[in-house]
Amino acid sequence: MPRHTRTISKMTMGRSALAVGAALALVAAVALADRSPSEVVNGLAAEVISILKDPQLSNDQKRSRIETIAYQAIDFDTLSKLVLARNLRKFSPAQREEFEQEFKRHLSVTYGHNVDSYKNEKVEILGQRPEVRGDVTVQTKILRGGGNEDVLVDYRLRQRDGDWKIIDIIVENVSLVSNFRSQFQDIVANGGPERLLALLREKNATGEPLQQSRTH
């Protein structure tokens, strides 16, 4: 597949980052299995938007609450395995555990600042479709208003221990899993697992996106 189809261009990065930030903000709690995935996402959207709209909370407080909620709702174990893909076997058990923690933190520091940019966006559920392995993709639209272009965001959910959890977020047809997998494959190929872990530690410490350190 051509490289340009697997990465986010500079032109779309701003909008995509905002949308991914909003997407992460939608995951508000571990969902009960007796609710449909669409009902889950709809309920989570309402809960998190209430946090974003709360005038009594500072932006730091909003980020903290949403981060805690997202950590509960996203299946980071599955997400990490999907991102590493065939490179997973190159990581020792200790390195896998560290990767999951650093990757989780990286998503938070990279997209958490988008809480500051919340402009009364709303979420519309468009539908859901079944996927392989029993997964379900919930299709949504971020309604931005004010003449701004709406953003399509899909959530892929998988049941784990009876709960629906997020395993991928697709913004305007760009998959978070596929995008990071592409970057990480290049880095691991050129420096092994420790190179990737070192880059994640460095970028997490400075709050910078990993894209700037991508190996070409």
C-alpha atoms as a PDB file:
ATOM      1  CA  MET A   1       0.000   0.000   0.000  1.00  0.00           C
ATOM      2  CA  PRO A   2       1.442   3.470  -0.859  1.00  0.00           C
ATOM      3  CA  ARG A   3       2.795   5.303   2.156  1.00  0.00           C
ATOM      4  CA  HIS A   4       0.573   8.331   1.579  1.00  0.00           C
ATOM      5  CA  THR A   5      -2.546   6.224   2.060  1.00  0.00           C
ATOM      6  CA  ARG A   6      -1.372   5.062   5.491  1.00  0.00           C
ATOM      7  CA  THR A   7      -0.422   8.370   7.110  1.00  0.00           C
ATOM      8  CA  ILE A   8      -2.068  11.632   7.975  1.00  0.00           C
ATOM      9  CA  SER A   9      -0.934  14.588   5.876  1.00  0.00           C
ATOM     10  CA  LYS A  10       0.002  17.902   7.449  1.00  0.00           C
ATOM     11  CA  MET A  11      -3.019  19.459   5.776  1.00  0.00           C
ATOM     12  CA  THR A  12      -5.460  17.157   7.548  1.00  0.00           C
ATOM     13  CA  MET A  13      -3.508  16.613  10.772  1.00  0.00           C
ATOM     14  CA  GLY A  14      -5.118  19.503  12.649  1.00  0.00           C
ATOM     15  CA  ARG A  15      -8.661  18.420  11.915  1.00  0.00           C
ATOM     16  CA  SER A  16      -7.851  14.760  12.474  1.00  0.00           C
ATOM     17  CA  ALA A  17      -6.135  15.455  15.796  1.00  0.00           C
ATOM     18  CA  LEU A  18      -9.153  17.450  16.945  1.00  0.00           C
ATOM     19  CA  ALA A  19     -11.472  14.671  15.870  1.00  0.00           C
ATOM     20  CA  VAL A  20      -9.401  11.963  17.527  1.00  0.00           C
ATOM     21  CA  GLY A  21      -9.297  14.056  20.682  1.00  0.00           C
ATOM     22  CA  ALA A  22     -13.049  14.335  20.552  1.00  0.00           C
ATOM     23  CA  ALA A  23     -13.252  10.629  19.812  1.00  0.00           C
ATOM     24  CA  LEU A  24     -11.203   9.736  22.863  1.00  0.00           C
ATOM     25  CA  ALA A  25     -13.359  12.082  24.876  1.00  0.00           C
ATOM     26  CA  LEU A  26     -16.444  10.077  23.971  1.00  0.00           C
ATOM     27  CA  VAL A  27     -15.389   6.904  25.750  1.00  0.00           C
ATOM     28  CA  ALA A  28     -16.735   7.488  29.216  1.00  0.00           C
ATOM     29  CA  ALA A  29     -17.030   4.151  31.040  1.00  0.00           C
ATOM     30  CA  VAL A  30     -16.932   0.402  30.662  1.00  0.00           C
ATOM     31  CA  ALA A  31     -20.142  -0.417  28.819  1.00  0.00           C
ATOM     32  CA  LEU A  32     -22.611  -3.048  29.964  1.00  0.00           C
ATOM     33  CA  ALA A  33     -22.961  -5.961  27.576  1.00  0.00           C
ATOM     34  CA  ASP A  34     -26.768  -5.847  27.532  1.00  0.00           C
ATOM     35  CA  ARG A  35     -26.686  -2.519  25.684  1.00  0.00           C
ATOM     36  CA  SER A  36     -26.074  -2.293  21.962  1.00  0.00           C
ATOM     37  CA  PRO A  37     -22.804  -0.687  20.882  1.00  0.00           C
ATOM     38  CA  SER A  38     -24.740   2.273  19.452  1.00  0.00           C
ATOM     39  CA  GLU A  39     -26.531   2.791  22.756  1.00  0.00           C
ATOM     40  CA  VAL A  40     -23.200   2.566  24.533  1.00  0.00           C
ATOM     41  CA  VAL A  41     -21.547   5.237  22.383  1.00  0.00           C
ATOM     42  CA  ASN A  42     -24.608   7.483  22.556  1.00  0.00           C
ATOM     43  CA  GLY A  43     -24.673   7.297  26.336  1.00  0.00           C
ATOM     44  CA  LEU A  44     -20.950   7.870  26.621  1.00  0.00           C
ATOM     45  CA  ALA A  45     -21.109  10.877  24.333  1.00  0.00           C
ATOM     46  CA  ALA A  46     -23.760  12.516  26.512  1.00  0.00           C
ATOM     47  CA  GLU A  47     -21.785  11.847  29.680  1.00  0.00           C
ATOM     48  CA  VAL A  48     -18.475  13.208  28.415  1.00  0.00           C
ATOM     49  CA  ILE A  49     -19.996  16.248  26.733  1.00  0.00           C
ATOM     50  CA  SER A  50     -21.491  17.130  30.102  1.00  0.00           C
ATOM     51  CA  ILE A  51     -17.937  17.167  31.490  1.00  0.00           C
ATOM     52  CA  LEU A  52     -16.686  19.343  28.644  1.00  0.00           C
ATOM     53  CA  LYS A  53     -19.531  21.802  29.178  1.00  0.00           C
ATOM     54  CA  ASP A  54     -19.152  22.039  32.964  1.00  0.00           C
ATOM     55  CA  PRO A  55     -18.089  25.650  33.727  1.00  0.00           C
ATOM     56  CA  GLN A  56     -17.037  24.647  37.230  1.00  0.00           C
ATOM     57  CA  LEU A  57     -14.211  22.467  35.914  1.00  0.00           C
ATOM     58  CA  SER A  58     -10.851  23.721  34.698  1.00  0.00           C
ATOM     59  CA  ASN A  59      -9.413  22.289  31.496  1.00  0.00           C
ATOM     60  CA  ASP A  60      -6.902  20.298  33.536  1.00  0.00           C
ATOM     61  CA  GLN A  61      -9.738  18.803  35.592  1.00  0.00           C
ATOM     62  CA  LYS A  62     -11.657  17.940  32.436  1.00  0.00           C
ATOM     63  CA  ARG A  63      -8.596  16.255  30.931  1.00  0.00           C
ATOM     64  CA  SER A  64      -8.003  14.288  34.110  1.00  0.00           C
ATOM     65  CA  ARG A  65     -11.585  13.023  34.318  1.00  0.00           C
ATOM     66  CA  ILE A  66     -11.743  12.133  30.641  1.00  0.00           C
ATOM     67  CA  GLU A  67      -8.370  10.383  30.810  1.00  0.00           C
ATOM     68  CA  THR A  68      -9.556   8.211  33.699  1.00  0.00           C
ATOM     69  CA  ILE A  69     -12.745   7.372  31.832  1.00  0.00           C
ATOM     70  CA  ALA A  70     -10.907   6.573  28.588  1.00  0.00           C
ATOM     71  CA  TYR A  71      -8.447   4.313  30.381  1.00  0.00           C
ATOM     72  CA  GLN A  72     -11.387   2.271  31.641  1.00  0.00           C
ATOM     73  CA  ALA A  73     -13.243   2.129  28.343  1.00  0.00           C
ATOM     74  CA  ILE A  74     -10.490   1.376  25.838  1.00  0.00           C
ATOM     75  CA  ASP A  75      -9.097  -2.141  25.634  1.00  0.00           C
ATOM     76  CA  PHE A  76      -5.445  -1.109  25.588  1.00  0.00           C
ATOM     77  CA  ASP A  77      -4.237  -4.709  25.695  1.00  0.00           C
ATOM     78  CA  THR A  78      -5.969  -5.511  22.398  1.00  0.00           C
ATOM     79  CA  LEU A  79      -5.208  -2.079  20.952  1.00  0.00           C
ATOM     80  CA  SER A  80      -1.487  -2.496  21.666  1.00  0.00           C
ATOM     81  CA  LYS A  81      -1.405  -5.930  20.049  1.00  0.00           C
ATOM     82  CA  LEU A  82      -3.195  -4.633  16.950  1.00  0.00           C
ATOM     83  CA  VAL A  83      -0.773  -1.705  16.676  1.00  0.00           C
ATOM     84  CA  LEU A  84       2.371  -3.812  17.073  1.00  0.00           C
ATOM     85  CA  ALA A  85       0.979  -6.551  14.783  1.00  0.00           C
ATOM     86  CA  ARG A  86       3.776  -8.838  13.566  1.00  0.00           C
ATOM     87  CA  ASN A  87       6.330  -6.942  15.656  1.00  0.00           C
ATOM     88  CA  LEU A  88       4.673  -8.146  18.856  1.00  0.00           C
ATOM     89  CA  ARG A  89       6.848 -11.264  18.980  1.00  0.00           C
ATOM     90  CA  LYS A  90       9.985  -9.099  19.029  1.00  0.00           C
ATOM     91  CA  PHE A  91       8.990  -7.616  22.393  1.00  0.00           C
ATOM     92  CA  SER A  92       9.744  -9.384  25.654  1.00  0.00           C
ATOM     93  CA  PRO A  93       6.869  -9.623  28.186  1.00  0.00           C
ATOM     94  CA  ALA A  94       8.368  -6.702  30.123  1.00  0.00           C
ATOM     95  CA  GLN A  95       8.727  -4.639  26.944  1.00  0.00           C
ATOM     96  CA  ARG A  96       5.125  -5.400  25.958  1.00  0.00           C
ATOM     97  CA  GLU A  97       3.905  -4.183  29.320  1.00  0.00           C
ATOM     98  CA  GLU A  98       5.985  -1.012  29.081  1.00  0.00           C
ATOM     99  CA  PHE A  99       4.816  -0.390  25.516  1.00  0.00           C
ATOM    100  CA  GLU A 100       1.165  -0.603  26.544  1.00  0.00           C
ATOM    101  CA  GLN A 101       1.693   1.901  29.354  1.00  0.00           C
ATOM    102  CA  GLU A 102       3.762   4.322  27.248  1.00  0.00           C
ATOM    103  CA  PHE A 103       1.379   4.083  24.292  1.00  0.00           C
ATOM    104  CA  LYS A 104      -1.578   4.750  26.570  1.00  0.00           C
ATOM    105  CA  ARG A 105       0.201   7.789  27.963  1.00  0.00           C
ATOM    106  CA  HIS A 106       1.182   8.930  24.466  1.00  0.00           C
ATOM    107  CA  LEU A 107      -2.432   9.020  23.310  1.00  0.00           C
ATOM    108  CA  SER A 108      -3.297  11.053  26.387  1.00  0.00           C
ATOM    109  CA  VAL A 109      -0.517  13.640  26.051  1.00  0.00           C
ATOM    110  CA  THR A 110      -0.944  13.890  22.277  1.00  0.00           C
ATOM    111  CA  TYR A 111      -4.695  14.390  22.134  1.00  0.00           C
ATOM    112  CA  GLY A 112      -5.569  15.601  25.624  1.00  0.00           C
ATOM    113  CA  HIS A 113      -4.926  19.229  24.718  1.00  0.00           C
ATOM    114  CA  ASN A 114      -7.922  19.136  22.359  1.00  0.00           C
ATOM    115  CA  VAL A 115     -10.154  19.499  25.415  1.00  0.00           C
ATOM    116  CA  ASP A 116      -9.111  23.160  25.292  1.00  0.00           C
ATOM    117  CA  SER A 117     -10.588  23.448  21.792  1.00  0.00           C
ATOM    118  CA  TYR A 118     -14.077  22.185  22.595  1.00  0.00           C
ATOM    119  CA  LYS A 119     -16.630  24.446  20.873  1.00  0.00           C
ATOM    120  CA  ASN A 120     -19.985  22.887  21.779  1.00  0.00           C
ATOM    121  CA  GLU A 121     -19.605  20.041  19.296  1.00  0.00           C
ATOM    122  CA  LYS A 122     -22.334  17.415  19.350  1.00  0.00           C
ATOM    123  CA  VAL A 123     -22.369  13.758  18.373  1.00  0.00           C
ATOM    124  CA  GLU A 124     -24.846  12.111  16.015  1.00  0.00           C
ATOM    125  CA  ILE A 125     -25.089   8.315  15.842  1.00  0.00           C
ATOM    126  CA  LEU A 126     -25.373   7.253  12.200  1.00  0.00           C
ATOM    127  CA  GLY A 127     -25.646   3.501  12.686  1.00  0.00           C
ATOM    128  CA  GLN A 128     -23.626   0.383  13.353  1.00  0.00           C
ATOM    129  CA  ARG A 129     -22.363  -2.572  11.353  1.00  0.00           C
ATOM    130  CA  PRO A 130     -21.051  -6.020  12.309  1.00  0.00           C
ATOM    131  CA  GLU A 131     -17.397  -6.884  11.744  1.00  0.00           C
ATOM    132  CA  VAL A 132     -15.327 -10.056  11.905  1.00  0.00           C
ATOM    133  CA  ARG A 133     -14.547 -11.653  15.299  1.00  0.00           C
ATOM    134  CA  GLY A 134     -17.863 -10.401  16.623  1.00  0.00           C
ATOM    135  CA  ASP A 135     -16.706  -6.780  16.593  1.00  0.00           C
ATOM    136  CA  VAL A 136     -19.112  -3.931  15.887  1.00  0.00           C
ATOM    137  CA  THR A 137     -18.332  -0.568  14.312  1.00  0.00           C
ATOM    138  CA  VAL A 138     -20.448   2.361  15.488  1.00  0.00           C
ATOM    139  CA  GLN A 139     -20.596   5.168  12.938  1.00  0.00           C
ATOM    140  CA  THR A 140     -20.901   8.725  14.233  1.00  0.00           C
ATOM    141  CA  LYS A 141     -20.604  12.298  13.071  1.00  0.00           C
ATOM    142  CA  ILE A 142     -19.077  15.128  15.110  1.00  0.00           C
ATOM    143  CA  LEU A 143     -21.364  18.113  14.472  1.00  0.00           C
ATOM    144  CA  ARG A 144     -19.115  21.160  14.754  1.00  0.00           C
ATOM    145  CA  GLY A 145     -21.496  23.955  13.733  1.00  0.00           C
ATOM    146  CA  GLY A 146     -20.538  27.542  12.994  1.00  0.00           C
ATOM    147  CA  GLY A 147     -19.892  26.771   9.360  1.00  0.00           C
ATOM    148  CA  ASN A 148     -17.203  24.219  10.246  1.00  0.00           C
ATOM    149  CA  GLU A 149     -17.113  20.919   8.410  1.00  0.00           C
ATOM    150  CA  ASP A 150     -18.523  17.954  10.335  1.00  0.00           C
ATOM    151  CA  VAL A 151     -16.177  15.043  11.000  1.00  0.00           C
ATOM    152  CA  LEU A 152     -16.983  11.355  10.573  1.00  0.00           C
ATOM    153  CA  VAL A 153     -15.707   9.165  13.408  1.00  0.00           C
ATOM    154  CA  ASP A 154     -16.164   5.399  13.645  1.00  0.00           C
ATOM    155  CA  TYR A 155     -15.582   3.370  16.806  1.00  0.00           C
ATOM    156  CA  ARG A 156     -14.732  -0.318  16.617  1.00  0.00           C
ATOM    157  CA  LEU A 157     -15.839  -2.187  19.727  1.00  0.00           C
ATOM    158  CA  ARG A 158     -15.147  -5.708  20.925  1.00  0.00           C
ATOM    159  CA  GLN A 159     -16.605  -7.584  23.868  1.00  0.00           C
ATOM    160  CA  ARG A 160     -14.156  -8.565  26.561  1.00  0.00           C
ATOM    161  CA  ASP A 161     -15.261 -10.264  29.761  1.00  0.00           C
ATOM    162  CA  GLY A 162     -18.839  -9.336  28.855  1.00  0.00           C
ATOM    163  CA  ASP A 163     -18.113  -5.629  28.312  1.00  0.00           C
ATOM    164  CA  TRP A 164     -17.977  -3.623  25.078  1.00  0.00           C
ATOM    165  CA  LYS A 165     -14.666  -1.792  24.753  1.00  0.00           C
ATOM    166  CA  ILE A 166     -13.051   0.413  22.122  1.00  0.00           C
ATOM    167  CA  ILE A 167     -10.257  -1.220  20.097  1.00  0.00           C
ATOM    168  CA  ASP A 168      -9.914   1.317  17.260  1.00  0.00           C
ATOM    169  CA  ILE A 169     -11.033   4.812  16.282  1.00  0.00           C
ATOM    170  CA  ILE A 170     -11.332   5.752  12.611  1.00  0.00           C
ATOM    171  CA  VAL A 171     -11.416   9.460  11.787  1.00  0.00           C
ATOM    172  CA  GLU A 172     -12.414  10.346   8.218  1.00  0.00           C
ATOM    173  CA  ASN A 173     -11.401   6.828   7.129  1.00  0.00           C
ATOM    174  CA  VAL A 174      -8.011   7.049   8.863  1.00  0.00           C
ATOM    175  CA  SER A 175      -7.615   4.287  11.459  1.00  0.00           C
ATOM    176  CA  LEU A 176      -5.719   5.095  14.647  1.00  0.00           C
ATOM    177  CA  VAL A 177      -4.463   1.488  14.706  1.00  0.00           C
ATOM    178  CA  SER A 178      -3.301   1.502  11.079  1.00  0.00           C
ATOM    179  CA  ASN A 179      -1.668   4.919  11.375  1.00  0.00           C
ATOM    180  CA  PHE A 180       0.390   4.048  14.451  1.00  0.00           C
ATOM    181  CA  ARG A 181       1.143   0.547  13.147  1.00  0.00           C
ATOM    182  CA  SER A 182       2.704   2.097  10.043  1.00  0.00           C
ATOM    183  CA  GLN A 183       4.884   4.417  12.111  1.00  0.00           C
ATOM    184  CA  PHE A 184       5.907   1.786  14.636  1.00  0.00           C
ATOM    185  CA  GLN A 185       6.835  -0.789  11.980  1.00  0.00           C
ATOM    186  CA  ASP A 186       9.372   1.628  10.509  1.00  0.00           C
ATOM    187  CA  ILE A 187      10.835   2.478  13.911  1.00  0.00           C
ATOM    188  CA  VAL A 188      11.116  -1.135  15.092  1.00  0.00           C
ATOM    189  CA  ALA A 189      12.612  -2.196  11.761  1.00  0.00           C
ATOM    190  CA  ASN A 190      15.382   0.386  12.178  1.00  0.00           C
ATOM    191  CA  GLY A 191      16.032   0.195  15.893  1.00  0.00           C
ATOM    192  CA  GLY A 192      14.141  -2.665  17.471  1.00  0.00           C
ATOM    193  CA  PRO A 193      11.694  -2.531  20.395  1.00  0.00           C
ATOM    194  CA  GLU A 194      13.977  -0.471  22.617  1.00  0.00           C
ATOM    195  CA  ARG A 195      14.171   2.292  19.996  1.00  0.00           C
ATOM    196  CA  LEU A 196      10.386   2.565  19.927  1.00  0.00           C
ATOM    197  CA  LEU A 197      10.138   2.551  23.711  1.00  0.00           C
ATOM    198  CA  ALA A 198      12.846   5.220  23.960  1.00  0.00           C
ATOM    199  CA  LEU A 199      11.021   7.455  21.479  1.00  0.00           C
ATOM    200  CA  LEU A 200       7.735   7.044  23.331  1.00  0.00           C
ATOM    201  CA  ARG A 201       9.403   7.939  26.643  1.00  0.00           C
ATOM    202  CA  GLU A 202      11.010  10.999  25.057  1.00  0.00           C
ATOM    203  CA  LYS A 203       7.873  12.273  23.366  1.00  0.00           C
ATOM    204  CA  ASN A 204       5.711  11.600  26.406  1.00  0.00           C
ATOM    205  CA  ALA A 205       8.107  13.656  28.527  1.00  0.00           C
ATOM    206  CA  THR A 206       7.854  16.616  26.144  1.00  0.00           C
ATOM    207  CA  GLY A 207       4.200  16.176  25.138  1.00  0.00           C
ATOM    208  CA  GLU A 208       5.095  16.035  21.443  1.00  0.00           C
ATOM    209  CA  PRO A 209       3.477  13.752  18.838  1.00  0.00           C
ATOM    210  CA  LEU A 210       5.550  10.826  17.678  1.00  0.00           C
ATOM    211  CA  GLN A 211       4.964  11.737  14.026  1.00  0.00           C
ATOM    212  CA  GLN A 212       7.787  14.254  14.224  1.00  0.00           C
ATOM    213  CA  SER A 213      10.242  11.447  14.917  1.00  0.00           C
ATOM    214  CA  ARG A 214       9.057   9.105  12.222  1.00  0.00           C
ATOM    215  CA  THR A 215      11.807   7.253  10.374  1.00  0.00           C
ATOM    216  CA  HIS A 216      11.639   7.525   6.567  1.00  0.00           C
END
